[in-house]
N, C-alpha and C. Protein backbone atom coordinates (compact mmCIF):
# COMPACT_ATOMS: atom_id res chain seq x y z
N MET A 1 0.21 6.96 20.67
CA MET A 1 -0.91 7.88 20.85
C MET A 1 -0.80 9.07 19.90
N GLY A 2 0.44 9.53 19.68
CA GLY A 2 0.65 10.64 18.77
C GLY A 2 0.23 10.32 17.36
N LYS A 3 0.53 9.08 16.90
CA LYS A 3 0.16 8.67 15.55
C LYS A 3 -1.35 8.61 15.40
N VAL A 4 -2.03 8.19 16.46
CA VAL A 4 -3.51 8.15 16.44
C VAL A 4 -4.05 9.56 16.28
N PHE A 5 -3.46 10.51 17.02
CA PHE A 5 -3.87 11.91 16.93
C PHE A 5 -3.68 12.43 15.51
N ASP A 6 -2.52 12.12 14.91
CA ASP A 6 -2.23 12.57 13.54
C ASP A 6 -3.25 11.99 12.56
N ALA A 7 -3.58 10.71 12.74
CA ALA A 7 -4.54 10.05 11.85
C ALA A 7 -5.93 10.69 11.97
N VAL A 8 -6.32 11.01 13.20
CA VAL A 8 -7.63 11.64 13.44
C VAL A 8 -7.68 13.01 12.77
N VAL A 9 -6.59 13.77 12.88
CA VAL A 9 -6.53 15.10 12.25
C VAL A 9 -6.69 14.98 10.74
N VAL A 10 -6.00 13.99 10.13
CA VAL A 10 -6.09 13.79 8.69
C VAL A 10 -7.51 13.41 8.28
N LEU A 11 -8.13 12.50 9.04
CA LEU A 11 -9.48 12.06 8.73
C LEU A 11 -10.50 13.19 8.87
N LEU A 12 -10.28 14.03 9.87
CA LEU A 12 -11.23 15.11 10.13
C LEU A 12 -10.88 16.39 9.39
N TYR A 13 -9.83 16.37 8.59
CA TYR A 13 -9.39 17.58 7.89
C TYR A 13 -10.53 18.28 7.13
N PRO A 14 -11.32 17.54 6.30
CA PRO A 14 -12.40 18.22 5.58
C PRO A 14 -13.40 18.90 6.52
N LEU A 15 -13.72 18.23 7.64
CA LEU A 15 -14.67 18.79 8.61
C LEU A 15 -14.09 20.01 9.30
N ILE A 16 -12.80 19.94 9.65
CA ILE A 16 -12.13 21.07 10.31
C ILE A 16 -12.13 22.29 9.38
N VAL A 17 -11.78 22.06 8.11
CA VAL A 17 -11.76 23.16 7.14
C VAL A 17 -13.15 23.72 6.91
N LEU A 18 -14.13 22.83 6.75
CA LEU A 18 -15.51 23.27 6.53
C LEU A 18 -16.00 24.11 7.70
N GLY A 19 -15.76 23.64 8.93
CA GLY A 19 -16.17 24.39 10.11
C GLY A 19 -15.43 25.70 10.22
N GLY A 20 -14.13 25.67 9.93
CA GLY A 20 -13.33 26.88 10.02
C GLY A 20 -13.75 27.93 9.02
N LEU A 21 -13.99 27.50 7.78
CA LEU A 21 -14.39 28.45 6.75
C LEU A 21 -15.81 28.97 6.96
N THR A 22 -16.61 28.20 7.68
CA THR A 22 -17.99 28.62 7.95
C THR A 22 -18.06 29.62 9.10
N TYR A 23 -17.28 29.38 10.15
CA TYR A 23 -17.37 30.20 11.35
C TYR A 23 -16.15 31.09 11.60
N LEU A 24 -15.04 30.80 10.91
CA LEU A 24 -13.83 31.59 11.08
C LEU A 24 -13.38 32.13 9.72
N SER A 25 -12.26 32.79 9.69
CA SER A 25 -11.67 33.23 8.43
C SER A 25 -10.72 32.17 7.90
N VAL A 26 -10.27 32.34 6.67
CA VAL A 26 -9.29 31.41 6.09
C VAL A 26 -8.01 31.40 6.92
N ARG A 27 -7.55 32.59 7.31
CA ARG A 27 -6.30 32.69 8.08
C ARG A 27 -6.40 31.97 9.42
N TRP A 28 -7.50 32.17 10.14
CA TRP A 28 -7.65 31.52 11.44
C TRP A 28 -7.77 30.00 11.27
N THR A 29 -8.44 29.58 10.22
CA THR A 29 -8.55 28.14 9.95
C THR A 29 -7.17 27.54 9.67
N ALA A 30 -6.39 28.25 8.86
CA ALA A 30 -5.04 27.79 8.54
C ALA A 30 -4.15 27.75 9.78
N LEU A 31 -4.27 28.76 10.62
CA LEU A 31 -3.47 28.80 11.85
C LEU A 31 -3.86 27.65 12.78
N LEU A 32 -5.15 27.34 12.84
CA LEU A 32 -5.61 26.21 13.65
C LEU A 32 -5.00 24.91 13.13
N LEU A 33 -5.00 24.74 11.81
CA LEU A 33 -4.43 23.53 11.21
C LEU A 33 -2.93 23.45 11.46
N LEU A 34 -2.25 24.59 11.41
CA LEU A 34 -0.81 24.60 11.68
C LEU A 34 -0.52 24.20 13.12
N MET A 35 -1.38 24.62 14.04
CA MET A 35 -1.20 24.21 15.45
C MET A 35 -1.39 22.71 15.60
N LEU A 36 -2.38 22.16 14.89
CA LEU A 36 -2.63 20.72 14.96
C LEU A 36 -1.47 19.95 14.31
N LEU A 37 -0.89 20.55 13.26
CA LEU A 37 0.24 19.92 12.57
C LEU A 37 1.53 20.08 13.36
N GLY A 38 1.54 21.03 14.28
CA GLY A 38 2.74 21.31 15.06
C GLY A 38 3.26 20.11 15.83
N ARG A 39 2.36 19.28 16.36
CA ARG A 39 2.79 18.09 17.09
C ARG A 39 3.60 17.16 16.20
N ARG A 40 3.15 17.03 14.95
CA ARG A 40 3.84 16.16 14.00
C ARG A 40 5.22 16.73 13.65
N ILE A 41 5.30 18.04 13.51
CA ILE A 41 6.56 18.68 13.17
C ILE A 41 7.57 18.50 14.29
N VAL A 42 7.13 18.68 15.53
CA VAL A 42 8.01 18.50 16.68
C VAL A 42 8.50 17.05 16.75
N ALA A 43 7.60 16.10 16.49
CA ALA A 43 7.97 14.69 16.52
C ALA A 43 9.02 14.39 15.45
N LEU A 44 8.89 15.01 14.28
CA LEU A 44 9.86 14.80 13.21
C LEU A 44 11.23 15.34 13.60
N VAL A 45 11.25 16.51 14.25
CA VAL A 45 12.51 17.11 14.68
C VAL A 45 13.22 16.21 15.68
N LEU A 46 12.44 15.57 16.55
CA LEU A 46 13.02 14.73 17.60
C LEU A 46 13.43 13.34 17.10
N THR A 47 12.85 12.91 15.97
CA THR A 47 13.12 11.55 15.47
C THR A 47 13.55 11.58 14.01
N THR A 48 14.34 12.56 13.63
CA THR A 48 14.73 12.74 12.23
C THR A 48 15.41 11.51 11.65
N ARG A 49 16.27 10.87 12.41
CA ARG A 49 17.05 9.74 11.89
C ARG A 49 16.17 8.55 11.52
N SER A 50 15.05 8.38 12.22
CA SER A 50 14.21 7.22 11.96
C SER A 50 13.03 7.55 11.06
N THR A 51 13.00 8.76 10.51
CA THR A 51 11.89 9.18 9.67
C THR A 51 12.29 9.12 8.21
N SER A 52 11.42 8.53 7.38
CA SER A 52 11.71 8.43 5.96
C SER A 52 11.61 9.79 5.29
N VAL A 53 12.35 9.94 4.19
CA VAL A 53 12.35 11.21 3.45
C VAL A 53 10.95 11.57 2.95
N PRO A 54 10.18 10.62 2.36
CA PRO A 54 8.84 10.99 1.89
C PRO A 54 7.94 11.54 2.99
N VAL A 55 8.07 11.01 4.21
CA VAL A 55 7.25 11.50 5.32
C VAL A 55 7.63 12.94 5.65
N ILE A 56 8.93 13.21 5.67
CA ILE A 56 9.40 14.57 5.95
C ILE A 56 8.89 15.53 4.87
N ILE A 57 8.99 15.10 3.61
CA ILE A 57 8.51 15.93 2.51
C ILE A 57 7.02 16.19 2.64
N GLN A 58 6.28 15.15 3.02
CA GLN A 58 4.83 15.30 3.17
C GLN A 58 4.48 16.34 4.22
N VAL A 59 5.10 16.23 5.38
CA VAL A 59 4.79 17.14 6.48
C VAL A 59 5.22 18.57 6.15
N VAL A 60 6.43 18.71 5.62
CA VAL A 60 6.94 20.05 5.30
C VAL A 60 6.10 20.71 4.21
N SER A 61 5.76 19.96 3.16
CA SER A 61 4.98 20.53 2.07
C SER A 61 3.56 20.86 2.52
N THR A 62 3.00 20.02 3.40
CA THR A 62 1.67 20.30 3.93
C THR A 62 1.69 21.57 4.77
N ALA A 63 2.71 21.69 5.62
CA ALA A 63 2.84 22.91 6.43
C ALA A 63 3.01 24.14 5.55
N ALA A 64 3.76 23.98 4.44
CA ALA A 64 4.02 25.11 3.54
C ALA A 64 2.74 25.58 2.86
N ILE A 65 1.92 24.65 2.39
CA ILE A 65 0.72 25.05 1.67
C ILE A 65 -0.33 25.63 2.62
N ILE A 66 -0.40 25.08 3.85
CA ILE A 66 -1.31 25.65 4.83
C ILE A 66 -0.80 27.01 5.29
N GLY A 67 0.52 27.13 5.40
CA GLY A 67 1.11 28.42 5.72
C GLY A 67 0.82 29.47 4.66
N ALA A 68 0.80 29.03 3.39
CA ALA A 68 0.46 29.94 2.30
C ALA A 68 -0.99 30.43 2.44
N ALA A 69 -1.86 29.55 2.90
CA ALA A 69 -3.25 29.95 3.12
C ALA A 69 -3.34 30.99 4.23
N ALA A 70 -2.53 30.80 5.28
CA ALA A 70 -2.53 31.76 6.40
C ALA A 70 -1.96 33.11 5.94
N ALA A 71 -0.96 33.07 5.08
CA ALA A 71 -0.31 34.30 4.64
C ALA A 71 -1.15 35.09 3.64
N THR A 72 -1.84 34.36 2.75
CA THR A 72 -2.58 35.03 1.67
C THR A 72 -4.08 35.17 1.95
N GLY A 73 -4.59 34.32 2.86
CA GLY A 73 -6.02 34.33 3.12
C GLY A 73 -6.81 33.69 2.00
N SER A 74 -6.12 32.88 1.17
CA SER A 74 -6.77 32.23 0.03
C SER A 74 -7.23 30.82 0.41
N GLU A 75 -8.49 30.57 0.20
CA GLU A 75 -9.10 29.28 0.53
C GLU A 75 -8.59 28.14 -0.34
N ILE A 76 -8.15 28.46 -1.55
CA ILE A 76 -7.76 27.42 -2.51
C ILE A 76 -6.61 26.56 -1.99
N TYR A 77 -5.73 27.15 -1.19
CA TYR A 77 -4.61 26.37 -0.65
C TYR A 77 -5.11 25.26 0.28
N LEU A 78 -6.10 25.57 1.09
CA LEU A 78 -6.66 24.57 2.00
C LEU A 78 -7.37 23.47 1.22
N ARG A 79 -7.97 23.84 0.10
CA ARG A 79 -8.66 22.85 -0.72
C ARG A 79 -7.68 21.90 -1.41
N PHE A 80 -6.46 22.39 -1.70
CA PHE A 80 -5.49 21.59 -2.42
C PHE A 80 -4.68 20.65 -1.52
N THR A 81 -4.74 20.85 -0.21
CA THR A 81 -3.93 20.04 0.70
C THR A 81 -4.19 18.54 0.57
N PRO A 82 -5.45 18.06 0.50
CA PRO A 82 -5.67 16.61 0.34
C PRO A 82 -5.04 16.06 -0.94
N PHE A 83 -5.06 16.87 -2.00
CA PHE A 83 -4.44 16.45 -3.26
C PHE A 83 -2.93 16.31 -3.08
N LEU A 84 -2.34 17.24 -2.36
CA LEU A 84 -0.90 17.18 -2.09
C LEU A 84 -0.55 15.92 -1.31
N ILE A 85 -1.33 15.62 -0.30
CA ILE A 85 -1.08 14.42 0.51
C ILE A 85 -1.18 13.17 -0.35
N SER A 86 -2.19 13.13 -1.23
CA SER A 86 -2.36 11.98 -2.11
C SER A 86 -1.18 11.84 -3.07
N LEU A 87 -0.66 12.96 -3.54
CA LEU A 87 0.50 12.92 -4.43
C LEU A 87 1.72 12.32 -3.74
N VAL A 88 1.88 12.63 -2.45
CA VAL A 88 3.01 12.07 -1.69
C VAL A 88 2.88 10.55 -1.60
N PHE A 89 1.67 10.06 -1.37
CA PHE A 89 1.45 8.61 -1.33
C PHE A 89 1.82 7.99 -2.68
N ILE A 90 1.40 8.62 -3.76
CA ILE A 90 1.71 8.11 -5.09
C ILE A 90 3.23 8.05 -5.29
N THR A 91 3.92 9.10 -4.89
CA THR A 91 5.38 9.15 -5.02
C THR A 91 6.05 8.02 -4.24
N GLN A 92 5.57 7.77 -3.01
CA GLN A 92 6.13 6.70 -2.19
C GLN A 92 5.96 5.34 -2.86
N PHE A 93 4.78 5.10 -3.43
CA PHE A 93 4.52 3.81 -4.08
C PHE A 93 5.37 3.66 -5.34
N VAL A 94 5.51 4.74 -6.11
CA VAL A 94 6.32 4.68 -7.33
C VAL A 94 7.78 4.38 -6.98
N ILE A 95 8.31 5.07 -5.99
CA ILE A 95 9.70 4.86 -5.57
C ILE A 95 9.92 3.42 -5.11
N SER A 96 8.95 2.86 -4.39
CA SER A 96 9.11 1.51 -3.86
C SER A 96 9.08 0.45 -4.96
N LEU A 97 8.58 0.81 -6.14
CA LEU A 97 8.50 -0.15 -7.24
C LEU A 97 9.74 -0.13 -8.14
N ARG A 98 10.70 0.74 -7.83
CA ARG A 98 11.91 0.79 -8.62
C ARG A 98 12.73 -0.49 -8.47
N GLU A 99 13.54 -0.76 -9.46
CA GLU A 99 14.39 -1.96 -9.45
C GLU A 99 15.30 -1.93 -8.21
N GLY A 100 15.30 -3.02 -7.47
CA GLY A 100 16.13 -3.11 -6.28
C GLY A 100 15.45 -2.64 -5.00
N SER A 101 14.27 -2.04 -5.13
CA SER A 101 13.53 -1.57 -3.95
C SER A 101 12.48 -2.59 -3.54
N THR A 102 12.03 -2.50 -2.30
CA THR A 102 11.00 -3.39 -1.81
C THR A 102 9.65 -2.67 -1.87
N PRO A 103 8.67 -3.24 -2.58
CA PRO A 103 7.36 -2.60 -2.67
C PRO A 103 6.76 -2.33 -1.29
N ILE A 104 6.07 -1.24 -1.15
CA ILE A 104 5.52 -0.84 0.14
C ILE A 104 4.63 -1.93 0.74
N ILE A 105 3.79 -2.53 -0.06
CA ILE A 105 2.88 -3.56 0.47
C ILE A 105 3.68 -4.74 1.03
N GLU A 106 4.78 -5.09 0.38
CA GLU A 106 5.62 -6.18 0.88
C GLU A 106 6.24 -5.81 2.23
N ARG A 107 6.64 -4.54 2.38
CA ARG A 107 7.21 -4.10 3.66
C ARG A 107 6.20 -4.29 4.78
N PHE A 108 4.95 -3.90 4.52
CA PHE A 108 3.90 -4.07 5.52
C PHE A 108 3.66 -5.56 5.81
N ALA A 109 3.64 -6.36 4.76
CA ALA A 109 3.38 -7.79 4.93
C ALA A 109 4.47 -8.46 5.77
N ARG A 110 5.72 -8.05 5.57
CA ARG A 110 6.83 -8.66 6.30
C ARG A 110 6.87 -8.24 7.76
N LEU A 111 6.19 -7.17 8.11
CA LEU A 111 6.09 -6.81 9.53
C LEU A 111 5.34 -7.88 10.30
N LYS A 112 4.38 -8.51 9.64
CA LYS A 112 3.60 -9.56 10.28
C LYS A 112 4.18 -10.94 9.99
N ARG A 113 4.79 -11.09 8.80
CA ARG A 113 5.31 -12.40 8.40
C ARG A 113 6.65 -12.21 7.68
N PRO A 114 7.75 -12.17 8.44
CA PRO A 114 9.08 -11.93 7.84
C PRO A 114 9.46 -12.94 6.75
N ASP A 115 9.06 -14.22 6.93
CA ASP A 115 9.40 -15.27 5.96
C ASP A 115 8.31 -15.38 4.89
N LEU A 116 8.09 -14.30 4.18
CA LEU A 116 7.02 -14.24 3.19
C LEU A 116 7.30 -15.20 2.02
N PRO A 117 6.35 -16.08 1.69
CA PRO A 117 6.54 -17.03 0.58
C PRO A 117 6.64 -16.30 -0.76
N PRO A 118 7.27 -16.93 -1.76
CA PRO A 118 7.44 -16.31 -3.08
C PRO A 118 6.13 -15.85 -3.73
N ASP A 119 5.06 -16.66 -3.59
CA ASP A 119 3.79 -16.27 -4.21
C ASP A 119 3.20 -15.03 -3.52
N HIS A 120 3.45 -14.88 -2.23
CA HIS A 120 3.01 -13.69 -1.51
C HIS A 120 3.82 -12.46 -1.94
N VAL A 121 5.12 -12.67 -2.16
CA VAL A 121 5.99 -11.57 -2.59
C VAL A 121 5.51 -11.04 -3.94
N SER A 122 5.20 -11.96 -4.85
CA SER A 122 4.71 -11.56 -6.17
C SER A 122 3.38 -10.82 -6.06
N TYR A 123 2.52 -11.31 -5.18
CA TYR A 123 1.21 -10.68 -4.98
C TYR A 123 1.38 -9.27 -4.42
N CYS A 124 2.32 -9.10 -3.50
CA CYS A 124 2.56 -7.80 -2.88
C CYS A 124 3.01 -6.77 -3.92
N ARG A 125 3.87 -7.19 -4.85
CA ARG A 125 4.31 -6.26 -5.90
C ARG A 125 3.14 -5.86 -6.79
N THR A 126 2.34 -6.84 -7.17
CA THR A 126 1.17 -6.54 -8.00
C THR A 126 0.19 -5.63 -7.26
N LEU A 127 -0.02 -5.93 -5.98
CA LEU A 127 -0.95 -5.13 -5.19
C LEU A 127 -0.45 -3.70 -5.02
N THR A 128 0.85 -3.53 -4.90
CA THR A 128 1.42 -2.18 -4.81
C THR A 128 1.10 -1.39 -6.07
N LYS A 129 1.18 -2.04 -7.23
CA LYS A 129 0.84 -1.38 -8.50
C LYS A 129 -0.64 -1.03 -8.55
N VAL A 130 -1.48 -1.94 -8.05
CA VAL A 130 -2.92 -1.68 -8.04
C VAL A 130 -3.24 -0.51 -7.12
N TRP A 131 -2.59 -0.50 -5.94
CA TRP A 131 -2.80 0.61 -5.00
C TRP A 131 -2.36 1.93 -5.62
N LEU A 132 -1.32 1.89 -6.42
CA LEU A 132 -0.86 3.09 -7.11
C LEU A 132 -1.97 3.65 -7.99
N LEU A 133 -2.64 2.77 -8.73
CA LEU A 133 -3.75 3.20 -9.59
C LEU A 133 -4.92 3.72 -8.75
N VAL A 134 -5.15 3.08 -7.61
CA VAL A 134 -6.22 3.53 -6.72
C VAL A 134 -5.95 4.94 -6.22
N PHE A 135 -4.70 5.20 -5.83
CA PHE A 135 -4.34 6.54 -5.36
C PHE A 135 -4.42 7.58 -6.48
N VAL A 136 -4.11 7.17 -7.71
CA VAL A 136 -4.26 8.09 -8.84
C VAL A 136 -5.73 8.47 -9.00
N GLY A 137 -6.61 7.48 -8.86
CA GLY A 137 -8.04 7.75 -8.93
C GLY A 137 -8.50 8.67 -7.81
N ASN A 138 -7.98 8.43 -6.61
CA ASN A 138 -8.34 9.28 -5.48
C ASN A 138 -7.81 10.70 -5.65
N SER A 139 -6.61 10.81 -6.21
CA SER A 139 -6.02 12.13 -6.46
C SER A 139 -6.88 12.91 -7.45
N THR A 140 -7.37 12.21 -8.47
CA THR A 140 -8.25 12.86 -9.44
C THR A 140 -9.52 13.37 -8.78
N LEU A 141 -10.05 12.55 -7.85
CA LEU A 141 -11.26 12.94 -7.13
C LEU A 141 -11.05 14.19 -6.30
N VAL A 142 -10.00 14.19 -5.47
CA VAL A 142 -9.79 15.33 -4.57
C VAL A 142 -9.34 16.58 -5.32
N LEU A 143 -8.65 16.38 -6.46
CA LEU A 143 -8.27 17.53 -7.29
C LEU A 143 -9.51 18.17 -7.90
N SER A 144 -10.42 17.33 -8.37
CA SER A 144 -11.68 17.85 -8.93
C SER A 144 -12.47 18.59 -7.86
N ALA A 145 -12.45 18.06 -6.64
CA ALA A 145 -13.19 18.67 -5.54
C ALA A 145 -12.67 20.07 -5.22
N ALA A 146 -11.37 20.29 -5.43
CA ALA A 146 -10.77 21.59 -5.10
C ALA A 146 -11.40 22.73 -5.89
N PHE A 147 -11.96 22.40 -7.05
CA PHE A 147 -12.54 23.44 -7.90
C PHE A 147 -14.06 23.55 -7.77
N VAL A 148 -14.63 22.73 -6.87
CA VAL A 148 -16.07 22.82 -6.62
C VAL A 148 -16.34 24.03 -5.73
N GLU A 149 -17.24 24.88 -6.13
CA GLU A 149 -17.47 26.12 -5.40
C GLU A 149 -18.07 25.90 -4.01
N ALA A 150 -19.05 25.02 -3.92
CA ALA A 150 -19.73 24.79 -2.65
C ALA A 150 -18.81 24.08 -1.65
N LYS A 151 -18.60 24.69 -0.50
CA LYS A 151 -17.69 24.11 0.51
C LYS A 151 -18.20 22.77 1.03
N VAL A 152 -19.52 22.65 1.19
CA VAL A 152 -20.08 21.39 1.71
C VAL A 152 -19.83 20.25 0.73
N ILE A 153 -20.02 20.52 -0.57
CA ILE A 153 -19.77 19.48 -1.58
C ILE A 153 -18.30 19.10 -1.59
N TRP A 154 -17.42 20.10 -1.47
CA TRP A 154 -15.98 19.81 -1.39
C TRP A 154 -15.68 18.90 -0.22
N ALA A 155 -16.23 19.21 0.95
CA ALA A 155 -15.98 18.42 2.16
C ALA A 155 -16.50 16.99 1.99
N LEU A 156 -17.64 16.84 1.33
CA LEU A 156 -18.20 15.50 1.11
C LEU A 156 -17.33 14.69 0.16
N MET A 157 -16.83 15.34 -0.90
CA MET A 157 -16.00 14.63 -1.88
C MET A 157 -14.65 14.24 -1.29
N VAL A 158 -14.04 15.16 -0.53
CA VAL A 158 -12.72 14.90 0.05
C VAL A 158 -12.83 13.98 1.26
N GLY A 159 -13.97 14.03 1.96
CA GLY A 159 -14.17 13.22 3.15
C GLY A 159 -14.88 11.90 2.86
N PRO A 160 -16.19 11.83 3.08
CA PRO A 160 -16.92 10.56 2.96
C PRO A 160 -16.77 9.85 1.62
N VAL A 161 -16.85 10.59 0.50
CA VAL A 161 -16.75 9.94 -0.82
C VAL A 161 -15.37 9.32 -1.02
N SER A 162 -14.32 10.09 -0.70
CA SER A 162 -12.96 9.59 -0.84
C SER A 162 -12.70 8.41 0.10
N TYR A 163 -13.16 8.53 1.34
CA TYR A 163 -12.94 7.45 2.31
C TYR A 163 -13.69 6.18 1.92
N PHE A 164 -14.90 6.35 1.37
CA PHE A 164 -15.68 5.19 0.93
C PHE A 164 -14.99 4.50 -0.25
N TYR A 165 -14.45 5.31 -1.14
CA TYR A 165 -13.73 4.78 -2.31
C TYR A 165 -12.53 3.94 -1.86
N LEU A 166 -11.73 4.49 -0.96
CA LEU A 166 -10.54 3.78 -0.47
C LEU A 166 -10.94 2.58 0.39
N GLY A 167 -11.94 2.77 1.25
CA GLY A 167 -12.39 1.70 2.13
C GLY A 167 -12.97 0.52 1.36
N SER A 168 -13.67 0.81 0.27
CA SER A 168 -14.25 -0.27 -0.54
C SER A 168 -13.16 -1.13 -1.15
N PHE A 169 -12.09 -0.48 -1.61
CA PHE A 169 -10.99 -1.25 -2.18
C PHE A 169 -10.28 -2.08 -1.12
N ILE A 170 -10.07 -1.49 0.05
CA ILE A 170 -9.42 -2.22 1.15
C ILE A 170 -10.22 -3.48 1.49
N THR A 171 -11.54 -3.33 1.57
CA THR A 171 -12.41 -4.46 1.91
C THR A 171 -12.38 -5.52 0.82
N ALA A 172 -12.50 -5.09 -0.43
CA ALA A 172 -12.52 -6.04 -1.55
C ALA A 172 -11.19 -6.79 -1.65
N GLU A 173 -10.08 -6.07 -1.46
CA GLU A 173 -8.76 -6.71 -1.54
C GLU A 173 -8.57 -7.71 -0.42
N TYR A 174 -9.04 -7.37 0.77
CA TYR A 174 -8.90 -8.27 1.93
C TYR A 174 -9.67 -9.58 1.67
N LEU A 175 -10.88 -9.45 1.15
CA LEU A 175 -11.69 -10.64 0.87
C LEU A 175 -11.03 -11.49 -0.22
N PHE A 176 -10.53 -10.83 -1.26
CA PHE A 176 -9.88 -11.56 -2.34
C PHE A 176 -8.63 -12.27 -1.85
N ARG A 177 -7.83 -11.57 -1.01
CA ARG A 177 -6.59 -12.16 -0.49
C ARG A 177 -6.88 -13.38 0.37
N LYS A 178 -7.92 -13.31 1.19
CA LYS A 178 -8.27 -14.46 2.04
C LYS A 178 -8.69 -15.65 1.18
N TRP A 179 -9.45 -15.36 0.12
CA TRP A 179 -9.88 -16.43 -0.77
C TRP A 179 -8.69 -17.02 -1.53
N LYS A 180 -7.80 -16.16 -2.00
CA LYS A 180 -6.68 -16.60 -2.83
C LYS A 180 -5.68 -17.46 -2.05
N PHE A 181 -5.30 -16.99 -0.86
CA PHE A 181 -4.26 -17.68 -0.10
C PHE A 181 -4.82 -18.60 0.99
N GLN A 182 -6.10 -18.49 1.26
CA GLN A 182 -6.72 -19.34 2.29
C GLN A 182 -5.97 -19.25 3.62
N ASP A 183 -5.57 -18.04 3.94
CA ASP A 183 -4.77 -17.80 5.15
C ASP A 183 -5.66 -17.14 6.19
N PHE A 184 -6.40 -17.94 6.96
CA PHE A 184 -7.33 -17.43 7.95
C PHE A 184 -6.72 -17.53 9.34
N ASP A 185 -6.66 -16.41 10.03
CA ASP A 185 -6.07 -16.35 11.36
C ASP A 185 -7.11 -16.78 12.40
N PRO A 186 -6.86 -17.88 13.12
CA PRO A 186 -7.82 -18.36 14.12
C PRO A 186 -8.08 -17.34 15.23
N ALA A 187 -7.11 -16.46 15.46
CA ALA A 187 -7.25 -15.46 16.53
C ALA A 187 -8.09 -14.26 16.08
N SER A 188 -8.37 -14.18 14.79
CA SER A 188 -9.14 -13.05 14.26
C SER A 188 -10.61 -13.39 14.15
N PHE A 189 -11.45 -12.57 14.78
CA PHE A 189 -12.89 -12.80 14.72
C PHE A 189 -13.40 -12.70 13.28
N VAL A 190 -12.88 -11.72 12.55
CA VAL A 190 -13.30 -11.53 11.15
C VAL A 190 -12.93 -12.74 10.31
N ASP A 191 -11.70 -13.23 10.48
CA ASP A 191 -11.26 -14.39 9.71
C ASP A 191 -12.07 -15.64 10.05
N ARG A 192 -12.43 -15.78 11.32
CA ARG A 192 -13.26 -16.93 11.70
C ARG A 192 -14.64 -16.86 11.04
N MET A 193 -15.15 -15.64 10.86
CA MET A 193 -16.44 -15.47 10.20
C MET A 193 -16.32 -15.71 8.69
N LEU A 194 -15.19 -15.35 8.12
CA LEU A 194 -15.01 -15.46 6.67
C LEU A 194 -14.66 -16.87 6.22
N ARG A 195 -14.03 -17.63 7.08
CA ARG A 195 -13.54 -18.95 6.67
C ARG A 195 -14.65 -19.86 6.12
N PRO A 196 -15.80 -19.95 6.76
CA PRO A 196 -16.87 -20.82 6.18
C PRO A 196 -17.37 -20.30 4.83
N ILE A 197 -17.22 -19.00 4.58
CA ILE A 197 -17.72 -18.41 3.35
C ILE A 197 -16.70 -18.47 2.22
N LEU A 198 -15.46 -18.15 2.53
CA LEU A 198 -14.42 -18.07 1.52
C LEU A 198 -13.47 -19.27 1.50
N GLY A 199 -13.55 -20.07 2.55
CA GLY A 199 -12.60 -21.18 2.68
C GLY A 199 -12.85 -22.30 1.68
N ARG A 200 -11.77 -22.94 1.27
CA ARG A 200 -11.85 -24.11 0.42
C ARG A 200 -11.30 -25.30 1.21
N GLY A 201 -11.37 -26.46 0.66
CA GLY A 201 -10.86 -27.64 1.34
C GLY A 201 -9.37 -27.50 1.62
N GLY A 202 -8.94 -27.76 2.87
CA GLY A 202 -7.53 -27.67 3.22
C GLY A 202 -7.11 -26.28 3.61
N ALA A 203 -8.09 -25.38 3.85
CA ALA A 203 -7.73 -24.01 4.27
C ALA A 203 -7.02 -24.04 5.59
N ARG A 204 -5.99 -23.15 5.74
CA ARG A 204 -5.21 -23.12 6.97
C ARG A 204 -5.96 -22.34 8.03
């Protein structure tokens, strides 16, 4: 439940900032965000051993930049937070592609299928590289948004536009993967719908 709450806060971040800057001051908006982030900080303190270093860096750096907004009353810090989060994702993907490391996408794939076939392993490494480029594109988008004067335009670029960009890639990759590997899960309603469209002879 806590992870769901954290995800909702991240998704609603542009809306929270927009509402805060419209009806509150920068400092009060930053303090509100720090309170929302507080649950995540407490969880990290209680589960330090099982938390990856990049996650700790992400949370600490996010708290630091929002804290800077509260201390200085400068709106620019709140605008830069999505860019900071995107940079952490990029760092995680780069680290996972180092020699001897397991690509992030492969880690996720093995959670569902530990005995991942060689062709899937190769695909996961390639997909991790593609996702890296996608995050670079998203970072460019949110960084550009930080310098847009209109708060509403900033919120749209960091929120709906960014989410649509990422969501479109997720959808396209899922469709391509189903077509490539013909791996349709009978228990999945979506896969049952896609199989007649993307399936080839002998599809599993």
